[in-house]
Amino acid sequence: MEKETKEGNTKKKVKEIKKKNPASNQKKNANKLKEEKNILNEKILRLSAEMQNMKRRNDEEIARICKYEGEELIIKLLNIVDNFERAIKLDDSNLTDELSKFLEGFKMIYGNLVSILESMEVKEIDCLNQKFDPMMMDAVLTIHEEGKEAGVVLDVLQKGYMYKDKVIRHAMVRVSE
């Protein structure tokens, strides 16, 4: 029984102190509210920063996609350009008049394709007699040739191309060793 009265007395004293000192309760409540406000402000700032980063990444992705728009089509057209180059390399001295006119038409179509690609910022990679660059070229063959420095491109087997600032097809080359 004595314990119950002691606990009852303690509870009464706490209630009396709270009644006598309401300012301390208000301060505690105010501090608690300030902490909650700071936590919520921090969350808002994090979410805002996350949204800004997401928007920036999205804008960069869209810009990248727009910059290299049409890359797949260009790669397919390069194969056609290669075929036209092979056809044009035919020795036209043996051709009949009709076939030579046909070849002239091929040359005109080839010229149009090349000018369209150039207008789209597609450039051939110049690599003949240049130092081998693995970022732009694939060495298909290596040959030892007298009088040639090692690592120099001797022959271009398939032309390489750049689209704007990106290599879209590596040049296949023969390199001296």
C-alpha atoms as a PDB file:
ATOM      1  CA  MET A   1       0.000   0.000   0.000  1.00  0.00           C
ATOM      2  CA  GLU A   2       2.778   2.323   0.807  1.00  0.00           C
ATOM      3  CA  LYS A   3       4.121   1.882  -2.695  1.00  0.00           C
ATOM      4  CA  GLU A   4       0.815   2.797  -4.266  1.00  0.00           C
ATOM      5  CA  THR A   5       0.631   6.000  -2.246  1.00  0.00           C
ATOM      6  CA  LYS A   6       4.181   6.925  -3.129  1.00  0.00           C
ATOM      7  CA  GLU A   7       3.450   6.423  -6.832  1.00  0.00           C
ATOM      8  CA  GLY A   8       0.184   8.318  -6.517  1.00  0.00           C
ATOM      9  CA  ASN A   9       1.966  11.173  -4.733  1.00  0.00           C
ATOM     10  CA  THR A  10       4.658  11.263  -7.429  1.00  0.00           C
ATOM     11  CA  LYS A  11       2.086  11.439 -10.190  1.00  0.00           C
ATOM     12  CA  LYS A  12       0.248  14.208  -8.383  1.00  0.00           C
ATOM     13  CA  LYS A  13       3.485  16.178  -7.986  1.00  0.00           C
ATOM     14  CA  VAL A  14       4.282  15.839 -11.702  1.00  0.00           C
ATOM     15  CA  LYS A  15       0.793  17.049 -12.599  1.00  0.00           C
ATOM     16  CA  GLU A  16       1.141  19.985 -10.220  1.00  0.00           C
ATOM     17  CA  ILE A  17       4.525  20.898 -11.674  1.00  0.00           C
ATOM     18  CA  LYS A  18       3.099  20.751 -15.190  1.00  0.00           C
ATOM     19  CA  LYS A  19       0.198  22.929 -14.129  1.00  0.00           C
ATOM     20  CA  LYS A  20       2.510  25.391 -12.439  1.00  0.00           C
ATOM     21  CA  ASN A  21       5.012  25.467 -15.312  1.00  0.00           C
ATOM     22  CA  PRO A  22       3.079  25.357 -18.620  1.00  0.00           C
ATOM     23  CA  ALA A  23       5.858  27.333 -20.350  1.00  0.00           C
ATOM     24  CA  SER A  24       8.256  24.383 -20.178  1.00  0.00           C
ATOM     25  CA  ASN A  25       5.662  22.172 -21.880  1.00  0.00           C
ATOM     26  CA  GLN A  26       5.184  24.765 -24.577  1.00  0.00           C
ATOM     27  CA  LYS A  27       8.947  24.981 -25.071  1.00  0.00           C
ATOM     28  CA  LYS A  28       9.158  21.198 -25.380  1.00  0.00           C
ATOM     29  CA  ASN A  29       6.313  21.171 -27.879  1.00  0.00           C
ATOM     30  CA  ALA A  30       7.847  24.075 -29.802  1.00  0.00           C
ATOM     31  CA  ASN A  31      11.241  22.315 -29.948  1.00  0.00           C
ATOM     32  CA  LYS A  32       9.573  19.099 -31.092  1.00  0.00           C
ATOM     33  CA  LEU A  33       7.686  20.961 -33.819  1.00  0.00           C
ATOM     34  CA  LYS A  34      10.887  22.707 -34.948  1.00  0.00           C
ATOM     35  CA  GLU A  35      12.655  19.359 -35.235  1.00  0.00           C
ATOM     36  CA  GLU A  36       9.787  17.927 -37.273  1.00  0.00           C
ATOM     37  CA  LYS A  37       9.794  21.022 -39.473  1.00  0.00           C
ATOM     38  CA  ASN A  38      13.557  20.697 -40.067  1.00  0.00           C
ATOM     39  CA  ILE A  39      13.189  17.019 -40.953  1.00  0.00           C
ATOM     40  CA  LEU A  40      10.384  17.794 -43.415  1.00  0.00           C
ATOM     41  CA  ASN A  41      12.368  20.684 -44.947  1.00  0.00           C
ATOM     42  CA  GLU A  42      15.323  18.336 -45.419  1.00  0.00           C
ATOM     43  CA  LYS A  43      13.092  15.781 -47.134  1.00  0.00           C
ATOM     44  CA  ILE A  44      11.700  18.478 -49.424  1.00  0.00           C
ATOM     45  CA  LEU A  45      15.222  19.627 -50.356  1.00  0.00           C
ATOM     46  CA  ARG A  46      16.328  16.060 -51.114  1.00  0.00           C
ATOM     47  CA  LEU A  47      13.266  15.398 -53.250  1.00  0.00           C
ATOM     48  CA  SER A  48      13.741  18.691 -55.068  1.00  0.00           C
ATOM     49  CA  ALA A  49      17.399  17.882 -55.789  1.00  0.00           C
ATOM     50  CA  GLU A  50      16.437  14.396 -56.946  1.00  0.00           C
ATOM     51  CA  MET A  51      13.824  15.829 -59.323  1.00  0.00           C
ATOM     52  CA  GLN A  52      16.339  18.319 -60.735  1.00  0.00           C
ATOM     53  CA  ASN A  53      18.895  15.538 -61.295  1.00  0.00           C
ATOM     54  CA  MET A  54      16.273  13.352 -62.961  1.00  0.00           C
ATOM     55  CA  LYS A  55      15.239  16.218 -65.257  1.00  0.00           C
ATOM     56  CA  ARG A  56      18.881  16.941 -66.147  1.00  0.00           C
ATOM     57  CA  ARG A  57      19.579  13.257 -66.945  1.00  0.00           C
ATOM     58  CA  ASN A  58      16.408  13.090 -69.031  1.00  0.00           C
ATOM     59  CA  ASP A  59      17.379  16.244 -70.970  1.00  0.00           C
ATOM     60  CA  GLU A  60      20.878  14.850 -71.603  1.00  0.00           C
ATOM     61  CA  GLU A  61      19.438  11.559 -72.864  1.00  0.00           C
ATOM     62  CA  ILE A  62      17.042  13.359 -75.206  1.00  0.00           C
ATOM     63  CA  ALA A  63      19.868  15.567 -76.526  1.00  0.00           C
ATOM     64  CA  ARG A  64      22.055  12.490 -77.130  1.00  0.00           C
ATOM     65  CA  ILE A  65      19.247  10.705 -78.965  1.00  0.00           C
ATOM     66  CA  CYS A  66      18.560  13.760 -81.122  1.00  0.00           C
ATOM     67  CA  LYS A  67      22.259  14.303 -81.837  1.00  0.00           C
ATOM     68  CA  TYR A  68      22.725  10.818 -83.288  1.00  0.00           C
ATOM     69  CA  GLU A  69      19.298  10.537 -84.876  1.00  0.00           C
ATOM     70  CA  GLY A  70      19.405   8.447 -88.038  1.00  0.00           C
ATOM     71  CA  GLU A  71      22.581   6.559 -87.116  1.00  0.00           C
ATOM     72  CA  GLU A  72      21.078   3.161 -87.958  1.00  0.00           C
ATOM     73  CA  LEU A  73      19.966   4.365 -91.393  1.00  0.00           C
ATOM     74  CA  ILE A  74      23.399   5.836 -92.097  1.00  0.00           C
ATOM     75  CA  ILE A  75      25.095   2.545 -91.200  1.00  0.00           C
ATOM     76  CA  LYS A  76      22.815   0.731 -93.660  1.00  0.00           C
ATOM     77  CA  LEU A  77      23.511   3.330 -96.363  1.00  0.00           C
ATOM     78  CA  LEU A  78      27.264   2.854 -95.930  1.00  0.00           C
ATOM     79  CA  ASN A  79      26.947  -0.721 -97.194  1.00  0.00           C
ATOM     80  CA  ILE A  80      25.193   0.598-100.309  1.00  0.00           C
ATOM     81  CA  VAL A  81      27.959   3.176-100.805  1.00  0.00           C
ATOM     82  CA  ASP A  82      30.523   0.347-100.576  1.00  0.00           C
ATOM     83  CA  ASN A  83      28.686  -1.601-103.274  1.00  0.00           C
ATOM     84  CA  PHE A  84      28.567   1.456-105.547  1.00  0.00           C
ATOM     85  CA  GLU A  85      32.323   1.975-105.062  1.00  0.00           C
ATOM     86  CA  ARG A  86      32.985  -1.635-106.071  1.00  0.00           C
ATOM     87  CA  ALA A  87      30.805  -1.230-109.193  1.00  0.00           C
ATOM     88  CA  ILE A  88      32.478   2.047-110.163  1.00  0.00           C
ATOM     89  CA  LYS A  89      35.976   0.510-109.906  1.00  0.00           C
ATOM     90  CA  LEU A  90      35.211  -1.685-112.922  1.00  0.00           C
ATOM     91  CA  ASP A  91      37.489  -1.141-115.867  1.00  0.00           C
ATOM     92  CA  ASP A  92      35.243   0.833-118.220  1.00  0.00           C
ATOM     93  CA  SER A  93      37.648   0.653-121.204  1.00  0.00           C
ATOM     94  CA  ASN A  94      36.229  -2.772-122.211  1.00  0.00           C
ATOM     95  CA  LEU A  95      32.596  -1.771-121.767  1.00  0.00           C
ATOM     96  CA  THR A  96      30.161  -1.144-124.571  1.00  0.00           C
ATOM     97  CA  ASP A  97      28.644   2.282-125.035  1.00  0.00           C
ATOM     98  CA  GLU A  98      25.428   1.191-123.348  1.00  0.00           C
ATOM     99  CA  LEU A  99      27.224  -0.267-120.318  1.00  0.00           C
ATOM    100  CA  SER A 100      29.447   2.788-119.933  1.00  0.00           C
ATOM    101  CA  LYS A 101      26.301   4.993-119.809  1.00  0.00           C
ATOM    102  CA  PHE A 102      24.890   2.618-117.202  1.00  0.00           C
ATOM    103  CA  LEU A 103      28.132   3.005-115.201  1.00  0.00           C
ATOM    104  CA  GLU A 104      27.844   6.807-115.484  1.00  0.00           C
ATOM    105  CA  GLY A 105      24.398   6.546-113.865  1.00  0.00           C
ATOM    106  CA  PHE A 106      25.940   4.522-111.045  1.00  0.00           C
ATOM    107  CA  LYS A 107      28.567   7.229-110.566  1.00  0.00           C
ATOM    108  CA  MET A 108      25.871   9.913-110.344  1.00  0.00           C
ATOM    109  CA  ILE A 109      23.881   7.931-107.759  1.00  0.00           C
ATOM    110  CA  TYR A 110      27.095   7.305-105.810  1.00  0.00           C
ATOM    111  CA  GLY A 111      27.925  11.030-105.881  1.00  0.00           C
ATOM    112  CA  ASN A 112      24.440  11.895-104.612  1.00  0.00           C
ATOM    113  CA  LEU A 113      24.693   9.389-101.767  1.00  0.00           C
ATOM    114  CA  VAL A 114      28.103  10.688-100.726  1.00  0.00           C
ATOM    115  CA  SER A 115      26.914  14.320-100.764  1.00  0.00           C
ATOM    116  CA  ILE A 116      23.850  13.406 -98.663  1.00  0.00           C
ATOM    117  CA  LEU A 117      26.063  11.641 -96.126  1.00  0.00           C
ATOM    118  CA  GLU A 118      28.444  14.610 -96.028  1.00  0.00           C
ATOM    119  CA  SER A 119      25.528  16.974 -95.403  1.00  0.00           C
ATOM    120  CA  MET A 120      24.581  14.777 -92.419  1.00  0.00           C
ATOM    121  CA  GLU A 121      28.132  15.195 -91.029  1.00  0.00           C
ATOM    122  CA  VAL A 122      29.287  11.701 -92.004  1.00  0.00           C
ATOM    123  CA  LYS A 123      33.009  11.721 -92.777  1.00  0.00           C
ATOM    124  CA  GLU A 124      35.318   9.042 -94.066  1.00  0.00           C
ATOM    125  CA  ILE A 125      38.172   8.185 -91.707  1.00  0.00           C
ATOM    126  CA  ASP A 126      41.435   8.996 -93.461  1.00  0.00           C
ATOM    127  CA  CYS A 127      43.830   6.235 -92.491  1.00  0.00           C
ATOM    128  CA  LEU A 128      46.011   5.280 -95.482  1.00  0.00           C
ATOM    129  CA  ASN A 129      49.711   5.797 -94.578  1.00  0.00           C
ATOM    130  CA  GLN A 130      48.668   6.994 -91.118  1.00  0.00           C
ATOM    131  CA  LYS A 131      49.708   5.591 -87.759  1.00  0.00           C
ATOM    132  CA  PHE A 132      47.369   2.766 -86.683  1.00  0.00           C
ATOM    133  CA  ASP A 133      44.703   4.025 -84.252  1.00  0.00           C
ATOM    134  CA  PRO A 134      42.720   1.227 -82.554  1.00  0.00           C
ATOM    135  CA  MET A 135      39.970   3.691 -81.647  1.00  0.00           C
ATOM    136  CA  MET A 136      39.141   4.197 -85.346  1.00  0.00           C
ATOM    137  CA  MET A 137      40.612   1.184 -87.105  1.00  0.00           C
ATOM    138  CA  ASP A 138      40.552  -2.603 -86.955  1.00  0.00           C
ATOM    139  CA  ALA A 139      43.780  -4.292 -88.037  1.00  0.00           C
ATOM    140  CA  VAL A 140      42.662  -7.267 -90.121  1.00  0.00           C
ATOM    141  CA  LEU A 141      46.100  -8.165 -91.511  1.00  0.00           C
ATOM    142  CA  THR A 142      49.664  -7.407 -90.531  1.00  0.00           C
ATOM    143  CA  ILE A 143      52.499  -7.643 -93.049  1.00  0.00           C
ATOM    144  CA  HIS A 144      56.210  -6.992 -92.819  1.00  0.00           C
ATOM    145  CA  GLU A 145      57.168  -4.589 -95.594  1.00  0.00           C
ATOM    146  CA  GLU A 146      60.686  -3.284 -96.158  1.00  0.00           C
ATOM    147  CA  GLY A 147      61.145   0.437 -95.692  1.00  0.00           C
ATOM    148  CA  LYS A 148      57.852   0.908 -93.826  1.00  0.00           C
ATOM    149  CA  GLU A 149      57.678   1.894 -90.202  1.00  0.00           C
ATOM    150  CA  ALA A 150      55.866  -0.551 -87.884  1.00  0.00           C
ATOM    151  CA  GLY A 151      52.267   0.337 -87.072  1.00  0.00           C
ATOM    152  CA  VAL A 152      51.551   2.249 -90.298  1.00  0.00           C
ATOM    153  CA  VAL A 153      48.427   1.524 -92.347  1.00  0.00           C
ATOM    154  CA  LEU A 154      49.446   0.052 -95.711  1.00  0.00           C
ATOM    155  CA  ASP A 155      46.046  -0.636 -97.220  1.00  0.00           C
ATOM    156  CA  VAL A 156      42.384   0.090 -96.456  1.00  0.00           C
ATOM    157  CA  LEU A 157      40.216  -2.997 -96.945  1.00  0.00           C
ATOM    158  CA  GLN A 158      36.968  -1.322 -95.895  1.00  0.00           C
ATOM    159  CA  LYS A 159      36.519   2.394 -95.272  1.00  0.00           C
ATOM    160  CA  GLY A 160      35.641   3.612 -91.812  1.00  0.00           C
ATOM    161  CA  TYR A 161      33.247   6.463 -91.082  1.00  0.00           C
ATOM    162  CA  MET A 162      32.513   8.963 -88.346  1.00  0.00           C
ATOM    163  CA  TYR A 163      29.092  10.425 -87.671  1.00  0.00           C
ATOM    164  CA  LYS A 164      29.582  13.833 -86.093  1.00  0.00           C
ATOM    165  CA  ASP A 165      32.087  13.014 -83.328  1.00  0.00           C
ATOM    166  CA  LYS A 166      31.368   9.281 -83.057  1.00  0.00           C
ATOM    167  CA  VAL A 167      32.928   6.379 -84.950  1.00  0.00           C
ATOM    168  CA  ILE A 168      30.047   4.445 -86.492  1.00  0.00           C
ATOM    169  CA  ARG A 169      32.173   2.030 -88.500  1.00  0.00           C
ATOM    170  CA  HIS A 170      35.818   1.227 -87.898  1.00  0.00           C
ATOM    171  CA  ALA A 171      38.086   1.075 -90.929  1.00  0.00           C
ATOM    172  CA  MET A 172      39.393  -2.407 -91.691  1.00  0.00           C
ATOM    173  CA  VAL A 173      43.066  -2.026 -92.536  1.00  0.00           C
ATOM    174  CA  ARG A 174      46.297  -3.871 -93.272  1.00  0.00           C
ATOM    175  CA  VAL A 175      49.131  -2.700 -91.027  1.00  0.00           C
ATOM    176  CA  SER A 176      52.903  -3.012 -91.235  1.00  0.00           C
ATOM    177  CA  GLU A 177      54.636  -4.837 -88.416  1.00  0.00           C
END
